[in-house]
């Protein structure tokens, strides 16, 4: 277990956010840095559709989740040649049945992040310390308006960059593909996921607007609607893992990702 000392970078950032909130009571402390020239309406929508809940789970609950996941995922090898080149240094699986205490956590996710049911298979993504998730937009054909993820073991920085809405029309492109399947489904079908599952539209930082989000360990992020469709998202590599000028050390990170039906 990683224990944060009083002088750790993550605690420094959290204290700074808290001080800012105290100094201006009309502003809530948040872990989002807005960069570039944001249109006011888009920023308002983004604030509604991209949320972070710190300390969503306790240290005990984090341990419970980890203990259930680790026996299986530790037998897998980290991969560095993903089928769509969006992820490097990762291993992943899906899980439908959970221990009762962890089912309760996922039910909390459903209540907080989703208006209705979530897809039965929960995606587990284990990113190595040197791993990286490149900028991409998930296909919306086989998963719906909302994605939420619990961050285990490590803090990290997620970046969302506005795509070109006129050039990137995912819903009408006809190239969207199937959701990565569970082990049993893959074995029965004998097929590989389509390379269009994760789209990688070009979204330059130059003359653009984007947001950096600090995802503390044990937090929950909720990405929906505008943030879901109009922005790429990525987890910054450890060399670029900074938030507002402060280095955020990224170690091994496991994310437990829930989605709703399309």
C-alpha atoms as a PDB file:
ATOM      1  CA  UNK A   1       0.000   0.000   0.000  1.00  0.00           C
ATOM      2  CA  UNK A   2       1.267   3.469  -0.929  1.00  0.00           C
ATOM      3  CA  UNK A   3       0.919   5.970   1.923  1.00  0.00           C
ATOM      4  CA  UNK A   4       0.975   9.661   1.076  1.00  0.00           C
ATOM      5  CA  UNK A   5       3.274  11.781   3.220  1.00  0.00           C
ATOM      6  CA  UNK A   6       2.330  15.314   4.203  1.00  0.00           C
ATOM      7  CA  UNK A   7       4.658  16.799   1.599  1.00  0.00           C
ATOM      8  CA  UNK A   8       3.564  14.585  -1.329  1.00  0.00           C
ATOM      9  CA  UNK A   9       2.711  16.408  -4.595  1.00  0.00           C
ATOM     10  CA  UNK A  10      -0.889  15.218  -4.555  1.00  0.00           C
ATOM     11  CA  UNK A  11      -1.440  16.610  -1.050  1.00  0.00           C
ATOM     12  CA  UNK A  12       0.147  19.908  -2.067  1.00  0.00           C
ATOM     13  CA  UNK A  13      -2.291  20.217  -4.971  1.00  0.00           C
ATOM     14  CA  UNK A  14      -5.295  19.257  -2.863  1.00  0.00           C
ATOM     15  CA  UNK A  15      -4.325  21.816  -0.201  1.00  0.00           C
ATOM     16  CA  UNK A  16      -3.929  24.486  -2.872  1.00  0.00           C
ATOM     17  CA  UNK A  17      -7.378  23.707  -4.294  1.00  0.00           C
ATOM     18  CA  UNK A  18      -8.842  23.867  -0.798  1.00  0.00           C
ATOM     19  CA  UNK A  19      -7.219  27.255  -0.121  1.00  0.00           C
ATOM     20  CA  UNK A  20      -8.602  28.620  -3.386  1.00  0.00           C
ATOM     21  CA  UNK A  21     -12.089  27.477  -2.407  1.00  0.00           C
ATOM     22  CA  UNK A  22     -11.814  29.099   1.028  1.00  0.00           C
ATOM     23  CA  UNK A  23     -10.561  32.355  -0.440  1.00  0.00           C
ATOM     24  CA  UNK A  24     -13.500  32.486  -2.838  1.00  0.00           C
ATOM     25  CA  UNK A  25     -16.509  30.727  -1.404  1.00  0.00           C
ATOM     26  CA  UNK A  26     -18.444  31.075  -4.673  1.00  0.00           C
ATOM     27  CA  UNK A  27     -16.001  28.686  -6.377  1.00  0.00           C
ATOM     28  CA  UNK A  28     -15.874  25.003  -5.559  1.00  0.00           C
ATOM     29  CA  UNK A  29     -12.435  23.420  -5.259  1.00  0.00           C
ATOM     30  CA  UNK A  30     -12.000  21.235  -8.318  1.00  0.00           C
ATOM     31  CA  UNK A  31      -9.230  19.308  -9.945  1.00  0.00           C
ATOM     32  CA  UNK A  32      -9.661  20.632 -13.481  1.00  0.00           C
ATOM     33  CA  UNK A  33      -7.308  23.104 -15.175  1.00  0.00           C
ATOM     34  CA  UNK A  34      -8.802  24.823 -18.234  1.00  0.00           C
ATOM     35  CA  UNK A  35      -6.209  25.707 -20.854  1.00  0.00           C
ATOM     36  CA  UNK A  36      -6.562  27.737 -24.046  1.00  0.00           C
ATOM     37  CA  UNK A  37      -9.467  30.015 -24.935  1.00  0.00           C
ATOM     38  CA  UNK A  38     -12.633  28.203 -23.927  1.00  0.00           C
ATOM     39  CA  UNK A  39     -15.989  29.431 -25.259  1.00  0.00           C
ATOM     40  CA  UNK A  40     -18.051  30.190 -22.159  1.00  0.00           C
ATOM     41  CA  UNK A  41     -20.942  27.905 -23.160  1.00  0.00           C
ATOM     42  CA  UNK A  42     -18.647  24.964 -23.866  1.00  0.00           C
ATOM     43  CA  UNK A  43     -16.898  25.344 -20.542  1.00  0.00           C
ATOM     44  CA  UNK A  44     -20.228  25.410 -18.711  1.00  0.00           C
ATOM     45  CA  UNK A  45     -21.318  22.224 -20.486  1.00  0.00           C
ATOM     46  CA  UNK A  46     -17.968  20.595 -19.823  1.00  0.00           C
ATOM     47  CA  UNK A  47     -18.246  21.334 -16.097  1.00  0.00           C
ATOM     48  CA  UNK A  48     -21.578  19.526 -16.061  1.00  0.00           C
ATOM     49  CA  UNK A  49     -20.429  16.549 -18.103  1.00  0.00           C
ATOM     50  CA  UNK A  50     -16.954  15.883 -16.661  1.00  0.00           C
ATOM     51  CA  UNK A  51     -16.898  15.306 -12.906  1.00  0.00           C
ATOM     52  CA  UNK A  52     -14.386  13.986 -10.391  1.00  0.00           C
ATOM     53  CA  UNK A  53     -15.401  12.709  -6.961  1.00  0.00           C
ATOM     54  CA  UNK A  54     -12.410  12.428  -4.640  1.00  0.00           C
ATOM     55  CA  UNK A  55     -12.255   9.673  -2.013  1.00  0.00           C
ATOM     56  CA  UNK A  56     -15.144   7.852  -3.664  1.00  0.00           C
ATOM     57  CA  UNK A  57     -13.876   4.651  -2.072  1.00  0.00           C
ATOM     58  CA  UNK A  58     -12.004   4.127   1.186  1.00  0.00           C
ATOM     59  CA  UNK A  59      -8.588   2.526   1.586  1.00  0.00           C
ATOM     60  CA  UNK A  60     -10.328  -0.651   2.766  1.00  0.00           C
ATOM     61  CA  UNK A  61     -12.583  -0.702  -0.293  1.00  0.00           C
ATOM     62  CA  UNK A  62      -9.609  -0.114  -2.573  1.00  0.00           C
ATOM     63  CA  UNK A  63      -7.910  -3.129  -1.005  1.00  0.00           C
ATOM     64  CA  UNK A  64     -11.060  -5.232  -1.434  1.00  0.00           C
ATOM     65  CA  UNK A  65     -11.262  -4.421  -5.129  1.00  0.00           C
ATOM     66  CA  UNK A  66      -7.565  -4.989  -5.650  1.00  0.00           C
ATOM     67  CA  UNK A  67      -7.629  -8.340  -3.869  1.00  0.00           C
ATOM     68  CA  UNK A  68     -10.431  -9.559  -6.116  1.00  0.00           C
ATOM     69  CA  UNK A  69      -8.789  -8.376  -9.345  1.00  0.00           C
ATOM     70  CA  UNK A  70      -5.138  -9.234  -8.677  1.00  0.00           C
ATOM     71  CA  UNK A  71      -5.195 -13.074  -8.700  1.00  0.00           C
ATOM     72  CA  UNK A  72      -6.388 -13.142 -12.300  1.00  0.00           C
ATOM     73  CA  UNK A  73      -4.867 -10.038 -13.851  1.00  0.00           C
ATOM     74  CA  UNK A  74      -1.413 -10.705 -12.382  1.00  0.00           C
ATOM     75  CA  UNK A  75      -1.228 -13.823 -14.574  1.00  0.00           C
ATOM     76  CA  UNK A  76      -1.519 -11.713 -17.717  1.00  0.00           C
ATOM     77  CA  UNK A  77       1.418 -10.083 -19.467  1.00  0.00           C
ATOM     78  CA  UNK A  78       1.626  -6.357 -20.057  1.00  0.00           C
ATOM     79  CA  UNK A  79       1.133  -5.626 -23.747  1.00  0.00           C
ATOM     80  CA  UNK A  80       2.936  -2.923 -25.694  1.00  0.00           C
ATOM     81  CA  UNK A  81       1.393  -3.466 -29.135  1.00  0.00           C
ATOM     82  CA  UNK A  82      -2.315  -2.737 -28.765  1.00  0.00           C
ATOM     83  CA  UNK A  83      -4.555  -3.632 -31.686  1.00  0.00           C
ATOM     84  CA  UNK A  84      -5.493   0.014 -32.267  1.00  0.00           C
ATOM     85  CA  UNK A  85      -2.252   1.635 -31.022  1.00  0.00           C
ATOM     86  CA  UNK A  86      -4.153   3.596 -28.368  1.00  0.00           C
ATOM     87  CA  UNK A  87      -2.663   1.929 -25.280  1.00  0.00           C
ATOM     88  CA  UNK A  88       0.879   0.787 -24.468  1.00  0.00           C
ATOM     89  CA  UNK A  89       2.026  -1.066 -21.353  1.00  0.00           C
ATOM     90  CA  UNK A  90      -1.316  -2.465 -20.273  1.00  0.00           C
ATOM     91  CA  UNK A  91      -3.272  -5.581 -19.471  1.00  0.00           C
ATOM     92  CA  UNK A  92      -7.043  -5.770 -19.340  1.00  0.00           C
ATOM     93  CA  UNK A  93      -9.986  -7.994 -18.667  1.00  0.00           C
ATOM     94  CA  UNK A  94     -13.707  -7.810 -18.014  1.00  0.00           C
ATOM     95  CA  UNK A  95     -15.643  -9.072 -15.029  1.00  0.00           C
ATOM     96  CA  UNK A  96     -19.336  -9.725 -14.586  1.00  0.00           C
ATOM     97  CA  UNK A  97     -19.532 -11.448 -11.192  1.00  0.00           C
ATOM     98  CA  UNK A  98     -18.107  -9.668  -8.138  1.00  0.00           C
ATOM     99  CA  UNK A  99     -17.792 -10.392  -4.450  1.00  0.00           C
ATOM    100  CA  UNK A 100     -20.788  -8.978  -2.513  1.00  0.00           C
ATOM    101  CA  UNK A 101     -18.854  -6.102  -0.896  1.00  0.00           C
ATOM    102  CA  UNK A 102     -17.538  -5.016  -4.300  1.00  0.00           C
ATOM    103  CA  UNK A 103     -20.970  -5.295  -5.888  1.00  0.00           C
ATOM    104  CA  UNK A 104     -22.050  -2.692  -3.349  1.00  0.00           C
ATOM    105  CA  UNK A 105     -19.303  -0.333  -4.582  1.00  0.00           C
ATOM    106  CA  UNK A 106     -20.371  -0.782  -8.207  1.00  0.00           C
ATOM    107  CA  UNK A 107     -23.960  -0.128  -7.204  1.00  0.00           C
ATOM    108  CA  UNK A 108     -22.794   3.190  -5.719  1.00  0.00           C
ATOM    109  CA  UNK A 109     -21.155   3.982  -9.058  1.00  0.00           C
ATOM    110  CA  UNK A 110     -24.423   3.225 -10.849  1.00  0.00           C
ATOM    111  CA  UNK A 111     -26.402   5.476  -8.526  1.00  0.00           C
ATOM    112  CA  UNK A 112     -23.978   8.398  -8.750  1.00  0.00           C
ATOM    113  CA  UNK A 113     -22.928   8.258 -12.404  1.00  0.00           C
ATOM    114  CA  UNK A 114     -25.736   6.650 -14.382  1.00  0.00           C
ATOM    115  CA  UNK A 115     -29.393   7.296 -14.948  1.00  0.00           C
ATOM    116  CA  UNK A 116     -30.364   3.644 -15.128  1.00  0.00           C
ATOM    117  CA  UNK A 117     -28.539   0.356 -15.601  1.00  0.00           C
ATOM    118  CA  UNK A 118     -24.886  -0.172 -16.464  1.00  0.00           C
ATOM    119  CA  UNK A 119     -23.516  -2.760 -18.880  1.00  0.00           C
ATOM    120  CA  UNK A 120     -23.077  -6.133 -17.126  1.00  0.00           C
ATOM    121  CA  UNK A 121     -19.372  -6.538 -17.929  1.00  0.00           C
ATOM    122  CA  UNK A 122     -17.110  -4.120 -16.054  1.00  0.00           C
ATOM    123  CA  UNK A 123     -13.844  -3.269 -17.825  1.00  0.00           C
ATOM    124  CA  UNK A 124     -10.617  -3.545 -15.798  1.00  0.00           C
ATOM    125  CA  UNK A 125      -7.564  -1.781 -17.251  1.00  0.00           C
ATOM    126  CA  UNK A 126      -4.173  -2.240 -15.584  1.00  0.00           C
ATOM    127  CA  UNK A 127      -1.623   0.339 -16.777  1.00  0.00           C
ATOM    128  CA  UNK A 128       2.051  -0.287 -15.997  1.00  0.00           C
ATOM    129  CA  UNK A 129       4.149   2.527 -14.458  1.00  0.00           C
ATOM    130  CA  UNK A 130       5.630   3.198 -17.909  1.00  0.00           C
ATOM    131  CA  UNK A 131       2.292   2.631 -19.651  1.00  0.00           C
ATOM    132  CA  UNK A 132       0.373   5.281 -21.528  1.00  0.00           C
ATOM    133  CA  UNK A 133      -3.119   5.759 -22.931  1.00  0.00           C
ATOM    134  CA  UNK A 134      -2.898   7.918 -26.038  1.00  0.00           C
ATOM    135  CA  UNK A 135      -5.465  10.521 -27.036  1.00  0.00           C
ATOM    136  CA  UNK A 136      -8.587   8.837 -28.409  1.00  0.00           C
ATOM    137  CA  UNK A 137     -12.373   8.911 -28.442  1.00  0.00           C
ATOM    138  CA  UNK A 138     -14.184   5.663 -27.680  1.00  0.00           C
ATOM    139  CA  UNK A 139     -16.683   4.434 -30.222  1.00  0.00           C
ATOM    140  CA  UNK A 140     -20.258   5.237 -29.206  1.00  0.00           C
ATOM    141  CA  UNK A 141     -21.859   2.464 -31.213  1.00  0.00           C
ATOM    142  CA  UNK A 142     -21.632  -0.155 -28.497  1.00  0.00           C
ATOM    143  CA  UNK A 143     -21.519   1.932 -25.354  1.00  0.00           C
ATOM    144  CA  UNK A 144     -23.648   4.876 -24.386  1.00  0.00           C
ATOM    145  CA  UNK A 145     -23.389   8.445 -23.222  1.00  0.00           C
ATOM    146  CA  UNK A 146     -21.475   7.876 -19.989  1.00  0.00           C
ATOM    147  CA  UNK A 147     -18.223   6.278 -18.830  1.00  0.00           C
ATOM    148  CA  UNK A 148     -17.085   6.255 -15.210  1.00  0.00           C
ATOM    149  CA  UNK A 149     -13.867   4.951 -13.706  1.00  0.00           C
ATOM    150  CA  UNK A 150     -12.492   4.273 -10.236  1.00  0.00           C
ATOM    151  CA  UNK A 151      -8.738   4.876  -9.996  1.00  0.00           C
ATOM    152  CA  UNK A 152      -6.767   2.365  -7.917  1.00  0.00           C
ATOM    153  CA  UNK A 153      -3.127   2.356  -6.726  1.00  0.00           C
ATOM    154  CA  UNK A 154      -1.951   5.636  -8.275  1.00  0.00           C
ATOM    155  CA  UNK A 155      -2.764   9.266  -8.980  1.00  0.00           C
ATOM    156  CA  UNK A 156      -2.700  10.306 -12.631  1.00  0.00           C
ATOM    157  CA  UNK A 157      -3.476  13.173 -14.996  1.00  0.00           C
ATOM    158  CA  UNK A 158      -6.115  12.894 -17.704  1.00  0.00           C
ATOM    159  CA  UNK A 159      -6.134  15.348 -20.607  1.00  0.00           C
ATOM    160  CA  UNK A 160      -9.190  16.102 -22.757  1.00  0.00           C
ATOM    161  CA  UNK A 161      -8.675  18.038 -25.999  1.00  0.00           C
ATOM    162  CA  UNK A 162     -11.465  19.466 -28.155  1.00  0.00           C
ATOM    163  CA  UNK A 163     -11.807  17.742 -31.512  1.00  0.00           C
ATOM    164  CA  UNK A 164     -12.979  19.314 -34.753  1.00  0.00           C
ATOM    165  CA  UNK A 165     -16.748  18.872 -34.539  1.00  0.00           C
ATOM    166  CA  UNK A 166     -17.227  19.441 -38.287  1.00  0.00           C
ATOM    167  CA  UNK A 167     -14.619  16.921 -39.424  1.00  0.00           C
ATOM    168  CA  UNK A 168     -15.198  14.312 -36.734  1.00  0.00           C
ATOM    169  CA  UNK A 169     -18.739  12.958 -36.907  1.00  0.00           C
ATOM    170  CA  UNK A 170     -18.460   9.629 -35.151  1.00  0.00           C
ATOM    171  CA  UNK A 171     -22.123   8.674 -35.039  1.00  0.00           C
ATOM    172  CA  UNK A 172     -22.588   8.945 -38.792  1.00  0.00           C
ATOM    173  CA  UNK A 173     -19.194   7.638 -39.883  1.00  0.00           C
ATOM    174  CA  UNK A 174     -20.270   3.998 -40.084  1.00  0.00           C
ATOM    175  CA  UNK A 175     -16.853   2.897 -38.871  1.00  0.00           C
ATOM    176  CA  UNK A 176     -17.630   2.310 -35.223  1.00  0.00           C
ATOM    177  CA  UNK A 177     -16.932  -1.163 -33.980  1.00  0.00           C
ATOM    178  CA  UNK A 178     -17.792  -3.634 -31.305  1.00  0.00           C
ATOM    179  CA  UNK A 179     -17.064  -3.350 -27.616  1.00  0.00           C
ATOM    180  CA  UNK A 180     -14.101  -5.485 -26.462  1.00  0.00           C
ATOM    181  CA  UNK A 181     -15.607  -8.798 -25.463  1.00  0.00           C
ATOM    182  CA  UNK A 182     -15.339 -10.845 -22.317  1.00  0.00           C
ATOM    183  CA  UNK A 183     -13.096 -13.890 -22.339  1.00  0.00           C
ATOM    184  CA  UNK A 184     -15.995 -16.278 -22.849  1.00  0.00           C
ATOM    185  CA  UNK A 185     -17.481 -14.228 -25.680  1.00  0.00           C
ATOM    186  CA  UNK A 186     -14.132 -13.906 -27.458  1.00  0.00           C
ATOM    187  CA  UNK A 187     -13.487 -17.623 -27.222  1.00  0.00           C
ATOM    188  CA  UNK A 188     -16.924 -18.534 -28.537  1.00  0.00           C
ATOM    189  CA  UNK A 189     -16.760 -16.116 -31.478  1.00  0.00           C
ATOM    190  CA  UNK A 190     -13.069 -16.535 -32.199  1.00  0.00           C
ATOM    191  CA  UNK A 191     -12.817 -12.939 -33.391  1.00  0.00           C
ATOM    192  CA  UNK A 192     -10.686  -9.878 -32.631  1.00  0.00           C
ATOM    193  CA  UNK A 193     -12.169  -6.458 -31.784  1.00  0.00           C
ATOM    194  CA  UNK A 194     -12.471  -4.093 -34.714  1.00  0.00           C
ATOM    195  CA  UNK A 195      -9.671  -1.513 -34.861  1.00  0.00           C
ATOM    196  CA  UNK A 196     -12.234   1.304 -34.951  1.00  0.00           C
ATOM    197  CA  UNK A 197     -13.359   0.700 -31.367  1.00  0.00           C
ATOM    198  CA  UNK A 198     -11.150   3.560 -30.243  1.00  0.00           C
ATOM    199  CA  UNK A 199     -10.988   6.460 -32.699  1.00  0.00           C
ATOM    200  CA  UNK A 200      -7.877   8.634 -32.715  1.00  0.00           C
ATOM    201  CA  UNK A 201      -8.880  11.916 -34.387  1.00  0.00           C
ATOM    202  CA  UNK A 202      -6.227  14.597 -34.590  1.00  0.00           C
ATOM    203  CA  UNK A 203      -6.699  17.224 -31.911  1.00  0.00           C
ATOM    204  CA  UNK A 204      -3.769  19.610 -31.726  1.00  0.00           C
ATOM    205  CA  UNK A 205      -3.103  21.707 -28.615  1.00  0.00           C
ATOM    206  CA  UNK A 206      -2.072  24.640 -30.791  1.00  0.00           C
ATOM    207  CA  UNK A 207      -4.826  27.257 -31.110  1.00  0.00           C
ATOM    208  CA  UNK A 208      -7.175  24.887 -29.307  1.00  0.00           C
ATOM    209  CA  UNK A 209      -8.727  24.577 -25.865  1.00  0.00           C
ATOM    210  CA  UNK A 210      -8.385  21.615 -23.536  1.00  0.00           C
ATOM    211  CA  UNK A 211      -8.493  20.551 -19.910  1.00  0.00           C
ATOM    212  CA  UNK A 212      -6.110  18.705 -17.607  1.00  0.00           C
ATOM    213  CA  UNK A 213      -7.758  16.727 -14.824  1.00  0.00           C
ATOM    214  CA  UNK A 214      -6.092  15.414 -11.712  1.00  0.00           C
ATOM    215  CA  UNK A 215      -7.430  11.934 -10.909  1.00  0.00           C
ATOM    216  CA  UNK A 216      -6.440  11.158  -7.326  1.00  0.00           C
ATOM    217  CA  UNK A 217      -6.112   7.588  -6.180  1.00  0.00           C
ATOM    218  CA  UNK A 218      -9.509   6.222  -5.018  1.00  0.00           C
ATOM    219  CA  UNK A 219     -11.422   8.906  -6.933  1.00  0.00           C
ATOM    220  CA  UNK A 220     -14.237   8.378  -9.423  1.00  0.00           C
ATOM    221  CA  UNK A 221     -14.398  10.258 -12.726  1.00  0.00           C
ATOM    222  CA  UNK A 222     -17.640  10.569 -14.679  1.00  0.00           C
ATOM    223  CA  UNK A 223     -17.413  11.477 -18.368  1.00  0.00           C
ATOM    224  CA  UNK A 224     -20.614  12.051 -20.310  1.00  0.00           C
ATOM    225  CA  UNK A 225     -22.267  13.849 -23.236  1.00  0.00           C
ATOM    226  CA  UNK A 226     -20.089  16.799 -24.389  1.00  0.00           C
ATOM    227  CA  UNK A 227     -16.957  15.467 -22.698  1.00  0.00           C
ATOM    228  CA  UNK A 228     -17.732  12.008 -24.044  1.00  0.00           C
ATOM    229  CA  UNK A 229     -18.317  12.931 -27.696  1.00  0.00           C
ATOM    230  CA  UNK A 230     -16.391  16.113 -28.463  1.00  0.00           C
ATOM    231  CA  UNK A 231     -13.046  15.605 -26.731  1.00  0.00           C
ATOM    232  CA  UNK A 232     -10.226  13.121 -26.946  1.00  0.00           C
ATOM    233  CA  UNK A 233      -9.072  11.739 -23.620  1.00  0.00           C
ATOM    234  CA  UNK A 234      -5.737  10.305 -22.544  1.00  0.00           C
ATOM    235  CA  UNK A 235      -3.714   9.413 -19.451  1.00  0.00           C
ATOM    236  CA  UNK A 236      -0.447  11.322 -19.586  1.00  0.00           C
ATOM    237  CA  UNK A 237       2.791   9.358 -19.517  1.00  0.00           C
ATOM    238  CA  UNK A 238       4.793   9.675 -16.328  1.00  0.00           C
ATOM    239  CA  UNK A 239       7.269  12.042 -18.040  1.00  0.00           C
ATOM    240  CA  UNK A 240       4.420  14.492 -18.813  1.00  0.00           C
ATOM    241  CA  UNK A 241       2.362  13.802 -15.682  1.00  0.00           C
ATOM    242  CA  UNK A 242       2.046  17.344 -14.340  1.00  0.00           C
ATOM    243  CA  UNK A 243      -0.905  19.307 -12.997  1.00  0.00           C
ATOM    244  CA  UNK A 244      -0.647  23.079 -12.793  1.00  0.00           C
ATOM    245  CA  UNK A 245       3.140  22.862 -12.795  1.00  0.00           C
ATOM    246  CA  UNK A 246       3.368  20.188 -10.087  1.00  0.00           C
ATOM    247  CA  UNK A 247       4.684  16.727 -10.928  1.00  0.00           C
ATOM    248  CA  UNK A 248       2.144  13.982 -10.235  1.00  0.00           C
ATOM    249  CA  UNK A 249       4.077  10.693  -9.887  1.00  0.00           C
ATOM    250  CA  UNK A 250       2.279   7.928 -11.775  1.00  0.00           C
ATOM    251  CA  UNK A 251       2.936   4.345 -10.723  1.00  0.00           C
ATOM    252  CA  UNK A 252       0.980   1.245 -11.645  1.00  0.00           C
ATOM    253  CA  UNK A 253      -2.666   2.273 -12.124  1.00  0.00           C
ATOM    254  CA  UNK A 254      -5.768   0.099 -12.272  1.00  0.00           C
ATOM    255  CA  UNK A 255      -9.028   1.618 -13.452  1.00  0.00           C
ATOM    256  CA  UNK A 256     -12.423  -0.043 -13.004  1.00  0.00           C
ATOM    257  CA  UNK A 257     -14.580   1.283 -15.819  1.00  0.00           C
ATOM    258  CA  UNK A 258     -18.361   1.148 -16.069  1.00  0.00           C
ATOM    259  CA  UNK A 259     -20.438   2.091 -19.109  1.00  0.00           C
ATOM    260  CA  UNK A 260     -24.102   2.291 -19.976  1.00  0.00           C
ATOM    261  CA  UNK A 261     -25.885   0.758 -22.939  1.00  0.00           C
ATOM    262  CA  UNK A 262     -25.897   2.658 -26.261  1.00  0.00           C
END
